[in-house]
Amino acid sequence: MIGKSILALFLILGVLGGCSSNPPSNRTALLPYLTGASLPKMDSVEMRSFLTQTVYMAGGQYEVQATPLTLPLIEQEARELQRERGLSDEELKRVVDYNRFNYYDDRFCADIQMSIVRFGQVADLDQWKFQLVDSLGEKYQMKWVDQDAVHGPVVTYFSGLYGPEKKWYNRGRICTNIAIDRALGFKIEANPSFVQWPFPNTALLYWGIDVPDSYQSYRRY
């Protein structure tokens, strides 16, 4: 059974992701978060809040948030871990090297958070497929990391129009087996196993690539 602390984490992540539901950042604004150059001083929570993009599907019933793992984010989270646990500089280096090797170098990874209303059949991670799309439109399959270790989804209840309704929260890390030039911009395509008619069954999240005029960060039906 998932404890209250884990449920709180899901809820916090949802709030953070909600802060980034404006049209995605342009390439110039994104570069400091990719390279670390000219990056304002901030903690990892602020970094994640900027990097996280949000898209809604199925008439607002699905909320999908994605946070790409960048080298500045990996390094900042390691420094915060060092302060919390009193790690030596050598231990700090090992943490950074481990996360670079597993989640950054020669691959592309992102943290995914989802909330689902009404359609619990898509609440599990294996009901979602994601593809990375580079600046040239090439697509790369993404796979969940340590999916068996994910203790989700978390179920909560809220007051709907016709009484209490369920809401499912789930999260995981997903990666490609190939690296791209992140500085040129990229997209992530989300594809759940079920979307009710007449809504589209895919949605795109954008980083550093111009958003088409048809892009809508939110629509409620």
N, C-alpha and C. Protein backbone atom coordinates (compact mmCIF):
# COMPACT_ATOMS: atom_id res chain seq x y z
N MET A 1 0.84 -1.20 0.00
CA MET A 1 0.00 0.00 0.00
C MET A 1 0.87 1.24 0.00
N ILE A 2 0.50 2.24 -0.78
CA ILE A 2 1.30 3.44 -0.89
C ILE A 2 0.99 4.36 0.27
N GLY A 3 2.02 4.86 0.93
CA GLY A 3 1.85 5.73 2.08
C GLY A 3 1.42 7.12 1.70
N LYS A 4 1.04 7.89 2.72
CA LYS A 4 0.59 9.26 2.49
C LYS A 4 1.69 10.13 1.90
N SER A 5 2.94 9.85 2.27
CA SER A 5 4.04 10.67 1.77
C SER A 5 4.17 10.57 0.26
N ILE A 6 3.95 9.34 -0.29
CA ILE A 6 4.04 9.17 -1.74
C ILE A 6 2.88 9.87 -2.42
N LEU A 7 1.69 9.78 -1.82
CA LEU A 7 0.54 10.48 -2.38
C LEU A 7 0.81 11.98 -2.42
N ALA A 8 1.42 12.50 -1.36
CA ALA A 8 1.73 13.92 -1.32
C ALA A 8 2.69 14.29 -2.45
N LEU A 9 3.65 13.39 -2.75
CA LEU A 9 4.59 13.66 -3.83
C LEU A 9 3.87 13.77 -5.15
N PHE A 10 2.91 12.89 -5.41
CA PHE A 10 2.15 12.95 -6.65
C PHE A 10 1.44 14.30 -6.76
N LEU A 11 0.83 14.73 -5.66
CA LEU A 11 0.07 15.97 -5.68
C LEU A 11 0.98 17.17 -5.90
N ILE A 12 2.16 17.16 -5.27
CA ILE A 12 3.11 18.25 -5.46
C ILE A 12 3.57 18.33 -6.91
N LEU A 13 3.87 17.16 -7.50
CA LEU A 13 4.31 17.13 -8.89
C LEU A 13 3.22 17.69 -9.80
N GLY A 14 1.98 17.39 -9.48
CA GLY A 14 0.88 17.92 -10.28
C GLY A 14 0.82 19.43 -10.23
N VAL A 15 1.05 20.01 -9.04
CA VAL A 15 1.03 21.46 -8.90
C VAL A 15 2.17 22.08 -9.68
N LEU A 16 3.37 21.49 -9.58
CA LEU A 16 4.52 22.03 -10.29
C LEU A 16 4.31 22.00 -11.78
N GLY A 17 3.79 20.87 -12.28
CA GLY A 17 3.57 20.76 -13.72
C GLY A 17 2.55 21.76 -14.20
N GLY A 18 1.53 22.05 -13.36
CA GLY A 18 0.51 22.98 -13.75
C GLY A 18 1.05 24.38 -13.99
N CYS A 19 2.20 24.71 -13.35
CA CYS A 19 2.80 26.03 -13.53
C CYS A 19 3.37 26.21 -14.93
N SER A 20 3.52 25.13 -15.68
CA SER A 20 4.20 25.21 -16.97
C SER A 20 3.27 24.91 -18.13
N SER A 21 1.98 25.19 -17.98
CA SER A 21 1.03 24.86 -19.02
C SER A 21 0.88 25.98 -20.04
N ASN A 22 1.71 27.05 -19.95
CA ASN A 22 1.72 28.09 -20.97
C ASN A 22 2.38 27.55 -22.23
N PRO A 23 2.28 28.27 -23.36
CA PRO A 23 2.96 27.81 -24.57
C PRO A 23 4.43 27.54 -24.30
N PRO A 24 4.98 26.46 -24.81
CA PRO A 24 6.36 26.05 -24.50
C PRO A 24 7.39 27.11 -24.87
N SER A 25 8.55 27.03 -24.21
CA SER A 25 9.61 28.02 -24.34
C SER A 25 10.27 27.95 -25.71
N ASN A 26 10.80 29.09 -26.18
CA ASN A 26 11.53 29.08 -27.42
C ASN A 26 12.94 28.55 -27.20
N ARG A 27 13.67 28.37 -28.29
CA ARG A 27 14.97 27.71 -28.23
C ARG A 27 15.98 28.52 -27.41
N THR A 28 15.97 29.84 -27.57
CA THR A 28 16.92 30.69 -26.85
C THR A 28 16.70 30.60 -25.34
N ALA A 29 15.46 30.60 -24.92
CA ALA A 29 15.16 30.52 -23.49
C ALA A 29 15.50 29.14 -22.93
N LEU A 30 15.43 28.12 -23.76
CA LEU A 30 15.67 26.75 -23.31
C LEU A 30 17.16 26.45 -23.13
N LEU A 31 18.02 27.10 -23.94
CA LEU A 31 19.44 26.74 -23.99
C LEU A 31 20.14 26.75 -22.62
N PRO A 32 19.93 27.76 -21.76
CA PRO A 32 20.62 27.72 -20.47
C PRO A 32 20.30 26.48 -19.64
N TYR A 33 19.09 25.96 -19.78
CA TYR A 33 18.69 24.78 -19.02
C TYR A 33 19.26 23.49 -19.61
N LEU A 34 19.74 23.59 -20.86
CA LEU A 34 20.38 22.45 -21.50
C LEU A 34 21.89 22.45 -21.30
N THR A 35 22.48 23.66 -21.31
CA THR A 35 23.93 23.77 -21.27
C THR A 35 24.47 24.24 -19.93
N GLY A 36 23.65 24.93 -19.16
CA GLY A 36 24.11 25.51 -17.90
C GLY A 36 24.69 26.90 -18.07
N ALA A 37 24.97 27.35 -19.30
CA ALA A 37 25.54 28.66 -19.55
C ALA A 37 24.50 29.75 -19.33
N SER A 38 24.88 30.79 -18.56
CA SER A 38 23.98 31.92 -18.26
C SER A 38 22.70 31.49 -17.56
N LEU A 39 22.76 30.36 -16.87
CA LEU A 39 21.58 29.87 -16.15
C LEU A 39 21.46 30.61 -14.82
N PRO A 40 20.32 31.24 -14.54
CA PRO A 40 20.14 31.91 -13.25
C PRO A 40 20.26 30.91 -12.10
N LYS A 41 20.68 31.40 -10.96
CA LYS A 41 20.80 30.53 -9.79
C LYS A 41 19.41 30.13 -9.32
N MET A 42 19.18 28.84 -9.22
CA MET A 42 17.88 28.34 -8.79
C MET A 42 18.04 26.92 -8.28
N ASP A 43 17.05 26.45 -7.52
CA ASP A 43 17.10 25.08 -7.04
C ASP A 43 16.47 24.14 -8.07
N SER A 44 16.53 22.85 -7.79
CA SER A 44 16.06 21.86 -8.76
C SER A 44 14.55 21.93 -8.96
N VAL A 45 13.81 22.32 -7.92
CA VAL A 45 12.36 22.43 -8.06
C VAL A 45 12.01 23.51 -9.07
N GLU A 46 12.73 24.65 -8.99
CA GLU A 46 12.49 25.72 -9.96
C GLU A 46 12.88 25.29 -11.36
N MET A 47 14.00 24.56 -11.47
CA MET A 47 14.41 24.06 -12.79
C MET A 47 13.34 23.16 -13.38
N ARG A 48 12.87 22.22 -12.56
CA ARG A 48 11.84 21.29 -13.05
C ARG A 48 10.57 22.03 -13.44
N SER A 49 10.22 23.06 -12.68
CA SER A 49 9.01 23.81 -12.99
C SER A 49 9.11 24.47 -14.36
N PHE A 50 10.31 25.00 -14.69
CA PHE A 50 10.50 25.61 -16.00
C PHE A 50 10.50 24.57 -17.11
N LEU A 51 11.20 23.45 -16.89
CA LEU A 51 11.37 22.45 -17.93
C LEU A 51 10.09 21.65 -18.20
N THR A 52 9.22 21.56 -17.20
CA THR A 52 8.03 20.73 -17.34
C THR A 52 7.02 21.36 -18.27
N GLN A 53 6.57 20.58 -19.24
CA GLN A 53 5.49 21.00 -20.13
C GLN A 53 4.29 20.10 -19.89
N THR A 54 3.12 20.66 -20.12
CA THR A 54 1.86 19.97 -19.83
C THR A 54 0.96 19.98 -21.04
N VAL A 55 0.29 18.86 -21.29
CA VAL A 55 -0.70 18.81 -22.35
C VAL A 55 -1.92 18.04 -21.82
N TYR A 56 -3.09 18.40 -22.32
CA TYR A 56 -4.34 17.76 -21.92
C TYR A 56 -4.92 17.00 -23.09
N MET A 57 -5.49 15.85 -22.79
CA MET A 57 -6.08 14.99 -23.82
C MET A 57 -7.48 14.58 -23.38
N ALA A 58 -8.19 13.97 -24.32
CA ALA A 58 -9.51 13.39 -24.04
C ALA A 58 -10.45 14.40 -23.41
N GLY A 59 -10.45 15.62 -23.96
CA GLY A 59 -11.36 16.64 -23.45
C GLY A 59 -11.04 17.09 -22.05
N GLY A 60 -9.76 17.03 -21.69
CA GLY A 60 -9.34 17.45 -20.36
C GLY A 60 -9.33 16.35 -19.33
N GLN A 61 -9.68 15.12 -19.72
CA GLN A 61 -9.71 14.01 -18.77
C GLN A 61 -8.31 13.49 -18.44
N TYR A 62 -7.36 13.63 -19.37
CA TYR A 62 -5.98 13.19 -19.15
C TYR A 62 -5.08 14.42 -19.09
N GLU A 63 -4.26 14.48 -18.07
CA GLU A 63 -3.23 15.52 -17.98
C GLU A 63 -1.88 14.83 -18.00
N VAL A 64 -1.04 15.22 -18.95
CA VAL A 64 0.29 14.60 -19.10
C VAL A 64 1.34 15.68 -18.94
N GLN A 65 2.29 15.45 -18.04
CA GLN A 65 3.39 16.37 -17.80
C GLN A 65 4.69 15.64 -18.08
N ALA A 66 5.61 16.30 -18.76
CA ALA A 66 6.91 15.70 -19.06
C ALA A 66 8.02 16.67 -18.70
N THR A 67 9.05 16.15 -18.03
CA THR A 67 10.21 16.94 -17.64
C THR A 67 11.46 16.29 -18.21
N PRO A 68 12.07 16.85 -19.26
CA PRO A 68 13.30 16.26 -19.81
C PRO A 68 14.44 16.39 -18.81
N LEU A 69 15.26 15.34 -18.72
CA LEU A 69 16.42 15.39 -17.84
C LEU A 69 17.57 16.08 -18.58
N THR A 70 18.04 17.17 -18.04
CA THR A 70 19.14 17.91 -18.61
C THR A 70 20.34 17.81 -17.68
N LEU A 71 21.53 18.10 -18.22
CA LEU A 71 22.73 18.00 -17.39
C LEU A 71 22.71 19.00 -16.24
N PRO A 72 22.31 20.27 -16.44
CA PRO A 72 22.23 21.17 -15.28
C PRO A 72 21.28 20.67 -14.20
N LEU A 73 20.16 20.04 -14.60
CA LEU A 73 19.23 19.51 -13.61
C LEU A 73 19.85 18.35 -12.85
N ILE A 74 20.51 17.44 -13.56
CA ILE A 74 21.17 16.30 -12.92
C ILE A 74 22.21 16.79 -11.91
N GLU A 75 22.99 17.78 -12.30
CA GLU A 75 24.05 18.29 -11.42
C GLU A 75 23.47 19.01 -10.21
N GLN A 76 22.41 19.81 -10.42
CA GLN A 76 21.81 20.54 -9.31
C GLN A 76 21.17 19.58 -8.30
N GLU A 77 20.48 18.56 -8.78
CA GLU A 77 19.87 17.60 -7.85
C GLU A 77 20.95 16.85 -7.07
N ALA A 78 22.08 16.59 -7.70
CA ALA A 78 23.18 15.92 -7.00
C ALA A 78 23.76 16.82 -5.92
N ARG A 79 23.91 18.11 -6.21
CA ARG A 79 24.43 19.04 -5.20
C ARG A 79 23.49 19.14 -4.01
N GLU A 80 22.20 19.14 -4.27
CA GLU A 80 21.23 19.20 -3.18
C GLU A 80 21.27 17.92 -2.34
N LEU A 81 21.46 16.79 -3.01
CA LEU A 81 21.62 15.53 -2.29
C LEU A 81 22.88 15.56 -1.43
N GLN A 82 23.94 16.15 -1.95
CA GLN A 82 25.19 16.26 -1.19
C GLN A 82 24.96 17.04 0.10
N ARG A 83 24.24 18.16 0.02
CA ARG A 83 23.98 18.96 1.21
C ARG A 83 23.10 18.22 2.21
N GLU A 84 22.10 17.51 1.70
CA GLU A 84 21.17 16.80 2.58
C GLU A 84 21.84 15.64 3.31
N ARG A 85 22.74 14.94 2.63
CA ARG A 85 23.30 13.71 3.19
C ARG A 85 24.77 13.83 3.58
N GLY A 86 25.34 15.02 3.40
CA GLY A 86 26.72 15.21 3.77
C GLY A 86 27.70 14.41 2.94
N LEU A 87 27.44 14.31 1.63
CA LEU A 87 28.31 13.54 0.76
C LEU A 87 29.63 14.27 0.54
N SER A 88 30.68 13.51 0.35
CA SER A 88 31.97 14.08 0.00
C SER A 88 31.94 14.50 -1.47
N ASP A 89 32.95 15.28 -1.88
CA ASP A 89 33.02 15.68 -3.28
C ASP A 89 33.18 14.47 -4.20
N GLU A 90 33.90 13.45 -3.73
CA GLU A 90 34.06 12.24 -4.54
C GLU A 90 32.73 11.51 -4.69
N GLU A 91 31.95 11.45 -3.60
CA GLU A 91 30.63 10.82 -3.67
C GLU A 91 29.70 11.62 -4.57
N LEU A 92 29.82 12.95 -4.51
CA LEU A 92 29.02 13.80 -5.41
C LEU A 92 29.33 13.47 -6.86
N LYS A 93 30.60 13.35 -7.18
CA LYS A 93 31.01 13.03 -8.55
C LYS A 93 30.44 11.69 -8.98
N ARG A 94 30.42 10.72 -8.09
CA ARG A 94 29.87 9.41 -8.44
C ARG A 94 28.39 9.48 -8.74
N VAL A 95 27.67 10.28 -7.96
CA VAL A 95 26.23 10.44 -8.20
C VAL A 95 25.99 11.07 -9.57
N VAL A 96 26.73 12.13 -9.87
CA VAL A 96 26.57 12.80 -11.17
C VAL A 96 26.92 11.84 -12.30
N ASP A 97 28.06 11.15 -12.17
CA ASP A 97 28.49 10.22 -13.22
C ASP A 97 27.47 9.11 -13.44
N TYR A 98 26.91 8.59 -12.35
CA TYR A 98 25.92 7.51 -12.46
C TYR A 98 24.69 7.98 -13.24
N ASN A 99 24.18 9.17 -12.87
CA ASN A 99 22.97 9.65 -13.53
C ASN A 99 23.23 10.09 -14.96
N ARG A 100 24.43 10.62 -15.21
CA ARG A 100 24.78 10.95 -16.60
C ARG A 100 24.82 9.69 -17.45
N PHE A 101 25.45 8.66 -16.96
CA PHE A 101 25.59 7.42 -17.73
C PHE A 101 24.23 6.76 -17.99
N ASN A 102 23.37 6.75 -16.98
CA ASN A 102 22.11 6.02 -17.09
C ASN A 102 20.98 6.83 -17.73
N TYR A 103 21.02 8.17 -17.59
CA TYR A 103 19.86 8.95 -18.00
C TYR A 103 20.18 10.14 -18.90
N TYR A 104 21.44 10.28 -19.34
CA TYR A 104 21.75 11.45 -20.16
C TYR A 104 22.69 11.14 -21.32
N ASP A 105 23.87 10.65 -21.04
CA ASP A 105 24.84 10.38 -22.11
C ASP A 105 24.33 9.28 -23.03
N ASP A 106 24.38 9.50 -24.31
CA ASP A 106 24.01 8.51 -25.33
C ASP A 106 22.55 8.08 -25.25
N ARG A 107 21.72 8.89 -24.63
CA ARG A 107 20.29 8.61 -24.59
C ARG A 107 19.53 9.88 -24.23
N PHE A 108 18.22 9.79 -24.25
CA PHE A 108 17.37 10.93 -23.87
C PHE A 108 16.33 10.39 -22.90
N CYS A 109 16.18 11.05 -21.76
CA CYS A 109 15.22 10.59 -20.75
C CYS A 109 14.34 11.74 -20.28
N ALA A 110 13.17 11.39 -19.81
CA ALA A 110 12.25 12.38 -19.27
C ALA A 110 11.44 11.74 -18.15
N ASP A 111 11.06 12.55 -17.18
CA ASP A 111 10.15 12.11 -16.14
C ASP A 111 8.73 12.45 -16.57
N ILE A 112 7.84 11.49 -16.45
CA ILE A 112 6.45 11.64 -16.87
C ILE A 112 5.54 11.59 -15.65
N GLN A 113 4.62 12.53 -15.57
CA GLN A 113 3.57 12.48 -14.55
C GLN A 113 2.22 12.57 -15.25
N MET A 114 1.27 11.78 -14.78
CA MET A 114 -0.05 11.76 -15.42
C MET A 114 -1.14 11.77 -14.38
N SER A 115 -2.23 12.42 -14.70
CA SER A 115 -3.45 12.30 -13.90
C SER A 115 -4.60 11.98 -14.85
N ILE A 116 -5.43 11.05 -14.43
CA ILE A 116 -6.50 10.53 -15.29
C ILE A 116 -7.82 10.63 -14.54
N VAL A 117 -8.82 11.17 -15.19
CA VAL A 117 -10.16 11.22 -14.63
C VAL A 117 -11.06 10.31 -15.45
N ARG A 118 -11.84 9.51 -14.77
CA ARG A 118 -12.91 8.69 -15.36
C ARG A 118 -12.42 7.42 -16.04
N PHE A 119 -11.30 7.46 -16.76
CA PHE A 119 -10.89 6.31 -17.56
C PHE A 119 -9.70 5.60 -16.91
N GLY A 120 -9.98 4.84 -15.88
CA GLY A 120 -8.94 4.16 -15.14
C GLY A 120 -8.20 3.10 -15.93
N GLN A 121 -8.74 2.68 -17.09
CA GLN A 121 -8.07 1.66 -17.88
C GLN A 121 -6.77 2.14 -18.49
N VAL A 122 -6.52 3.46 -18.46
CA VAL A 122 -5.25 3.97 -18.97
C VAL A 122 -4.38 4.55 -17.85
N ALA A 123 -4.65 4.16 -16.61
CA ALA A 123 -3.91 4.70 -15.48
C ALA A 123 -2.55 4.03 -15.29
N ASP A 124 -2.36 2.82 -15.82
CA ASP A 124 -1.08 2.13 -15.68
C ASP A 124 -0.10 2.61 -16.74
N LEU A 125 1.18 2.60 -16.40
CA LEU A 125 2.20 3.09 -17.33
C LEU A 125 2.22 2.30 -18.63
N ASP A 126 1.96 0.98 -18.54
CA ASP A 126 2.05 0.17 -19.76
C ASP A 126 0.90 0.46 -20.74
N GLN A 127 -0.03 1.32 -20.36
CA GLN A 127 -1.10 1.73 -21.27
C GLN A 127 -0.73 3.00 -22.05
N TRP A 128 0.51 3.44 -21.87
CA TRP A 128 0.97 4.66 -22.55
C TRP A 128 2.24 4.38 -23.33
N LYS A 129 2.30 4.91 -24.55
CA LYS A 129 3.51 4.87 -25.35
C LYS A 129 3.96 6.31 -25.62
N PHE A 130 5.28 6.51 -25.61
CA PHE A 130 5.84 7.83 -25.87
C PHE A 130 6.92 7.72 -26.92
N GLN A 131 7.02 8.76 -27.76
CA GLN A 131 8.07 8.84 -28.76
C GLN A 131 8.75 10.20 -28.66
N LEU A 132 10.07 10.20 -28.77
CA LEU A 132 10.83 11.43 -28.87
C LEU A 132 10.88 11.84 -30.34
N VAL A 133 10.66 13.11 -30.61
CA VAL A 133 10.69 13.62 -31.97
C VAL A 133 11.76 14.70 -32.04
N ASP A 134 12.77 14.52 -32.90
CA ASP A 134 13.85 15.50 -32.97
C ASP A 134 13.46 16.66 -33.88
N SER A 135 14.39 17.61 -34.07
CA SER A 135 14.10 18.83 -34.83
C SER A 135 13.82 18.56 -36.31
N LEU A 136 14.22 17.39 -36.81
CA LEU A 136 13.98 17.03 -38.21
C LEU A 136 12.72 16.17 -38.38
N GLY A 137 12.04 15.90 -37.28
CA GLY A 137 10.83 15.09 -37.35
C GLY A 137 11.05 13.61 -37.21
N GLU A 138 12.31 13.17 -36.99
CA GLU A 138 12.58 11.75 -36.77
C GLU A 138 12.06 11.32 -35.40
N LYS A 139 11.47 10.12 -35.34
CA LYS A 139 10.85 9.64 -34.11
C LYS A 139 11.66 8.47 -33.52
N TYR A 140 11.75 8.46 -32.20
CA TYR A 140 12.49 7.42 -31.48
C TYR A 140 11.63 6.89 -30.35
N GLN A 141 11.51 5.57 -30.29
CA GLN A 141 10.70 4.95 -29.25
C GLN A 141 11.31 5.20 -27.88
N MET A 142 10.44 5.40 -26.89
CA MET A 142 10.88 5.58 -25.51
C MET A 142 10.34 4.42 -24.68
N LYS A 143 11.15 3.95 -23.73
CA LYS A 143 10.77 2.82 -22.88
C LYS A 143 10.84 3.21 -21.41
N TRP A 144 9.91 2.68 -20.64
CA TRP A 144 9.89 2.95 -19.21
C TRP A 144 11.10 2.34 -18.53
N VAL A 145 11.64 3.05 -17.56
CA VAL A 145 12.78 2.59 -16.78
C VAL A 145 12.28 2.02 -15.45
N ASP A 146 12.71 0.79 -15.12
CA ASP A 146 12.33 0.16 -13.85
C ASP A 146 10.83 0.22 -13.60
N GLN A 147 10.07 -0.14 -14.61
CA GLN A 147 8.61 -0.05 -14.49
C GLN A 147 8.07 -0.92 -13.35
N ASP A 148 8.71 -2.06 -13.10
CA ASP A 148 8.24 -2.96 -12.05
C ASP A 148 8.38 -2.35 -10.66
N ALA A 149 9.24 -1.32 -10.53
CA ALA A 149 9.46 -0.70 -9.22
C ALA A 149 8.48 0.43 -8.95
N VAL A 150 7.63 0.76 -9.93
CA VAL A 150 6.67 1.85 -9.76
C VAL A 150 5.46 1.34 -8.99
N HIS A 151 5.17 1.98 -7.86
CA HIS A 151 4.06 1.54 -7.02
C HIS A 151 2.84 2.43 -7.30
N GLY A 152 2.28 2.31 -8.45
CA GLY A 152 1.15 3.16 -8.81
C GLY A 152 0.13 2.35 -9.59
N PRO A 153 -0.94 2.98 -9.96
CA PRO A 153 -1.25 4.39 -9.74
C PRO A 153 -1.84 4.65 -8.35
N VAL A 154 -1.82 5.92 -7.95
CA VAL A 154 -2.48 6.36 -6.73
C VAL A 154 -3.88 6.83 -7.10
N VAL A 155 -4.87 6.46 -6.31
CA VAL A 155 -6.25 6.82 -6.58
C VAL A 155 -6.73 7.82 -5.54
N THR A 156 -7.34 8.91 -5.99
CA THR A 156 -7.97 9.87 -5.08
C THR A 156 -9.40 10.10 -5.57
N TYR A 157 -10.14 10.85 -4.79
CA TYR A 157 -11.53 11.18 -5.15
C TYR A 157 -11.71 12.70 -5.10
N PHE A 158 -12.58 13.20 -5.98
CA PHE A 158 -12.91 14.62 -5.98
C PHE A 158 -14.40 14.76 -6.28
N SER A 159 -14.93 15.94 -6.01
CA SER A 159 -16.36 16.19 -6.22
C SER A 159 -16.61 16.56 -7.67
N GLY A 160 -17.26 15.67 -8.40
CA GLY A 160 -17.60 15.92 -9.79
C GLY A 160 -18.99 16.51 -9.91
N LEU A 161 -19.43 16.68 -11.15
CA LEU A 161 -20.75 17.25 -11.39
C LEU A 161 -21.87 16.35 -10.88
N TYR A 162 -21.60 15.03 -10.87
CA TYR A 162 -22.65 14.08 -10.48
C TYR A 162 -22.24 13.27 -9.27
N GLY A 163 -21.45 13.87 -8.39
CA GLY A 163 -21.01 13.17 -7.19
C GLY A 163 -19.53 12.86 -7.22
N PRO A 164 -19.05 12.06 -6.27
CA PRO A 164 -17.62 11.75 -6.18
C PRO A 164 -17.12 11.02 -7.44
N GLU A 165 -15.95 11.43 -7.90
CA GLU A 165 -15.31 10.78 -9.04
C GLU A 165 -13.88 10.41 -8.68
N LYS A 166 -13.37 9.38 -9.37
CA LYS A 166 -12.00 8.94 -9.13
C LYS A 166 -11.02 9.73 -10.01
N LYS A 167 -9.82 9.90 -9.45
CA LYS A 167 -8.72 10.48 -10.21
C LYS A 167 -7.47 9.66 -9.93
N TRP A 168 -6.81 9.21 -11.00
CA TRP A 168 -5.63 8.36 -10.87
C TRP A 168 -4.38 9.19 -11.16
N TYR A 169 -3.34 9.01 -10.31
CA TYR A 169 -2.03 9.64 -10.53
C TYR A 169 -1.00 8.55 -10.76
N ASN A 170 -0.13 8.79 -11.72
CA ASN A 170 0.97 7.85 -11.95
C ASN A 170 2.17 8.62 -12.48
N ARG A 171 3.35 8.05 -12.31
CA ARG A 171 4.56 8.71 -12.76
C ARG A 171 5.64 7.68 -13.04
N GLY A 172 6.58 8.01 -13.91
CA GLY A 172 7.68 7.12 -14.21
C GLY A 172 8.72 7.85 -15.04
N ARG A 173 9.84 7.18 -15.26
CA ARG A 173 10.91 7.73 -16.09
C ARG A 173 10.99 6.92 -17.38
N ILE A 174 11.16 7.62 -18.48
CA ILE A 174 11.14 6.97 -19.78
C ILE A 174 12.33 7.46 -20.60
N CYS A 175 12.93 6.55 -21.39
CA CYS A 175 14.18 6.88 -22.09
C CYS A 175 14.18 6.29 -23.50
N THR A 176 14.99 6.93 -24.35
CA THR A 176 15.34 6.35 -25.65
C THR A 176 16.70 5.67 -25.50
N ASN A 177 17.09 4.92 -26.51
CA ASN A 177 18.42 4.32 -26.55
C ASN A 177 19.35 5.08 -27.48
N ILE A 178 18.98 6.33 -27.78
CA ILE A 178 19.78 7.14 -28.70
C ILE A 178 19.73 8.58 -28.21
N ALA A 179 20.84 9.31 -28.41
CA ALA A 179 20.88 10.72 -28.04
C ALA A 179 20.56 11.58 -29.25
N ILE A 180 20.03 12.77 -28.99
CA ILE A 180 19.78 13.75 -30.04
C ILE A 180 20.45 15.06 -29.65
N ASP A 181 20.52 15.99 -30.59
CA ASP A 181 21.03 17.32 -30.28
C ASP A 181 19.88 18.10 -29.65
N ARG A 182 19.85 18.14 -28.33
CA ARG A 182 18.76 18.79 -27.61
C ARG A 182 18.67 20.28 -27.91
N ALA A 183 19.81 20.90 -28.21
CA ALA A 183 19.85 22.34 -28.43
C ALA A 183 19.03 22.77 -29.65
N LEU A 184 18.73 21.85 -30.56
CA LEU A 184 17.94 22.16 -31.75
C LEU A 184 16.45 22.10 -31.48
N GLY A 185 16.08 21.70 -30.27
CA GLY A 185 14.67 21.56 -29.93
C GLY A 185 14.17 20.15 -30.14
N PHE A 186 13.09 19.81 -29.47
CA PHE A 186 12.54 18.45 -29.56
C PHE A 186 11.09 18.45 -29.08
N LYS A 187 10.43 17.35 -29.37
CA LYS A 187 9.04 17.15 -28.93
C LYS A 187 8.93 15.74 -28.34
N ILE A 188 7.92 15.54 -27.52
CA ILE A 188 7.56 14.21 -27.04
C ILE A 188 6.11 13.96 -27.40
N GLU A 189 5.87 12.83 -28.05
CA GLU A 189 4.51 12.46 -28.46
C GLU A 189 3.94 11.44 -27.48
N ALA A 190 2.78 11.74 -26.94
CA ALA A 190 2.09 10.86 -25.99
C ALA A 190 0.97 10.13 -26.70
N ASN A 191 0.87 8.82 -26.45
CA ASN A 191 -0.14 7.99 -27.12
C ASN A 191 -0.71 6.96 -26.15
N PRO A 192 -1.86 7.27 -25.50
CA PRO A 192 -2.49 6.29 -24.61
C PRO A 192 -3.20 5.20 -25.40
N SER A 193 -3.47 4.09 -24.74
CA SER A 193 -4.12 2.96 -25.42
C SER A 193 -5.59 3.23 -25.72
N PHE A 194 -6.18 4.22 -25.04
CA PHE A 194 -7.60 4.52 -25.27
C PHE A 194 -7.84 6.01 -25.11
N VAL A 195 -8.53 6.59 -26.08
CA VAL A 195 -9.07 7.95 -26.00
C VAL A 195 -10.47 7.91 -26.58
N GLN A 196 -11.42 8.42 -25.85
CA GLN A 196 -12.79 8.32 -26.32
C GLN A 196 -13.02 9.20 -27.55
N TRP A 197 -13.90 8.73 -28.43
CA TRP A 197 -14.29 9.50 -29.61
C TRP A 197 -14.98 10.79 -29.18
N PRO A 198 -14.74 11.91 -29.84
CA PRO A 198 -14.02 12.13 -31.10
C PRO A 198 -12.63 12.73 -30.91
N PHE A 199 -12.01 12.53 -29.78
CA PHE A 199 -10.76 13.21 -29.47
C PHE A 199 -9.57 12.48 -30.09
N PRO A 200 -8.52 13.21 -30.48
CA PRO A 200 -7.33 12.57 -31.08
C PRO A 200 -6.62 11.67 -30.08
N ASN A 201 -5.97 10.62 -30.58
CA ASN A 201 -5.33 9.64 -29.69
C ASN A 201 -3.85 9.94 -29.45
N THR A 202 -3.34 11.05 -29.94
CA THR A 202 -1.97 11.46 -29.66
C THR A 202 -1.94 12.94 -29.31
N ALA A 203 -0.88 13.33 -28.59
CA ALA A 203 -0.67 14.73 -28.26
C ALA A 203 0.82 14.99 -28.20
N LEU A 204 1.22 16.22 -28.46
CA LEU A 204 2.64 16.59 -28.49
C LEU A 204 2.95 17.62 -27.42
N LEU A 205 4.14 17.46 -26.81
CA LEU A 205 4.69 18.45 -25.91
C LEU A 205 5.95 19.01 -26.56
N TYR A 206 6.16 20.32 -26.49
CA TYR A 206 7.19 20.99 -27.27
C TYR A 206 8.25 21.64 -26.37
N TRP A 207 9.52 21.55 -26.80
CA TRP A 207 10.62 22.26 -26.16
C TRP A 207 11.51 22.88 -27.24
N GLY A 208 11.59 24.20 -27.27
CA GLY A 208 12.50 24.88 -28.17
C GLY A 208 12.15 24.75 -29.64
N ILE A 209 10.94 24.35 -29.94
CA ILE A 209 10.46 24.27 -31.32
C ILE A 209 9.19 25.10 -31.40
N ASP A 210 9.06 25.88 -32.48
CA ASP A 210 7.88 26.73 -32.62
C ASP A 210 6.61 25.91 -32.52
N VAL A 211 5.67 26.41 -31.76
CA VAL A 211 4.40 25.72 -31.56
C VAL A 211 3.45 26.10 -32.70
N PRO A 212 2.79 25.13 -33.32
CA PRO A 212 1.87 25.46 -34.41
C PRO A 212 0.69 26.28 -33.92
N ASP A 213 0.09 27.04 -34.84
CA ASP A 213 -1.04 27.88 -34.48
C ASP A 213 -2.19 27.09 -33.90
N SER A 214 -2.28 25.80 -34.27
CA SER A 214 -3.39 24.97 -33.81
C SER A 214 -3.17 24.44 -32.39
N TYR A 215 -1.97 24.69 -31.79
CA TYR A 215 -1.67 24.17 -30.46
C TYR A 215 -2.60 24.78 -29.43
N GLN A 216 -3.15 23.94 -28.56
CA GLN A 216 -3.99 24.38 -27.47
C GLN A 216 -3.50 23.72 -26.19
N SER A 217 -3.06 24.54 -25.25
CA SER A 217 -2.55 23.97 -24.01
C SER A 217 -3.66 23.40 -23.14
N TYR A 218 -4.89 23.85 -23.36
CA TYR A 218 -5.98 23.30 -22.56
C TYR A 218 -7.29 23.51 -23.29
N ARG A 219 -8.12 22.51 -23.26
CA ARG A 219 -9.48 22.63 -23.78
C ARG A 219 -10.40 21.78 -22.91
N ARG A 220 -11.47 22.37 -22.46
CA ARG A 220 -12.45 21.67 -21.63
C ARG A 220 -13.74 21.51 -22.43
N TYR A 221 -14.28 20.27 -22.47
CA TYR A 221 -15.53 20.03 -23.17
C TYR A 221 -16.61 19.68 -22.17
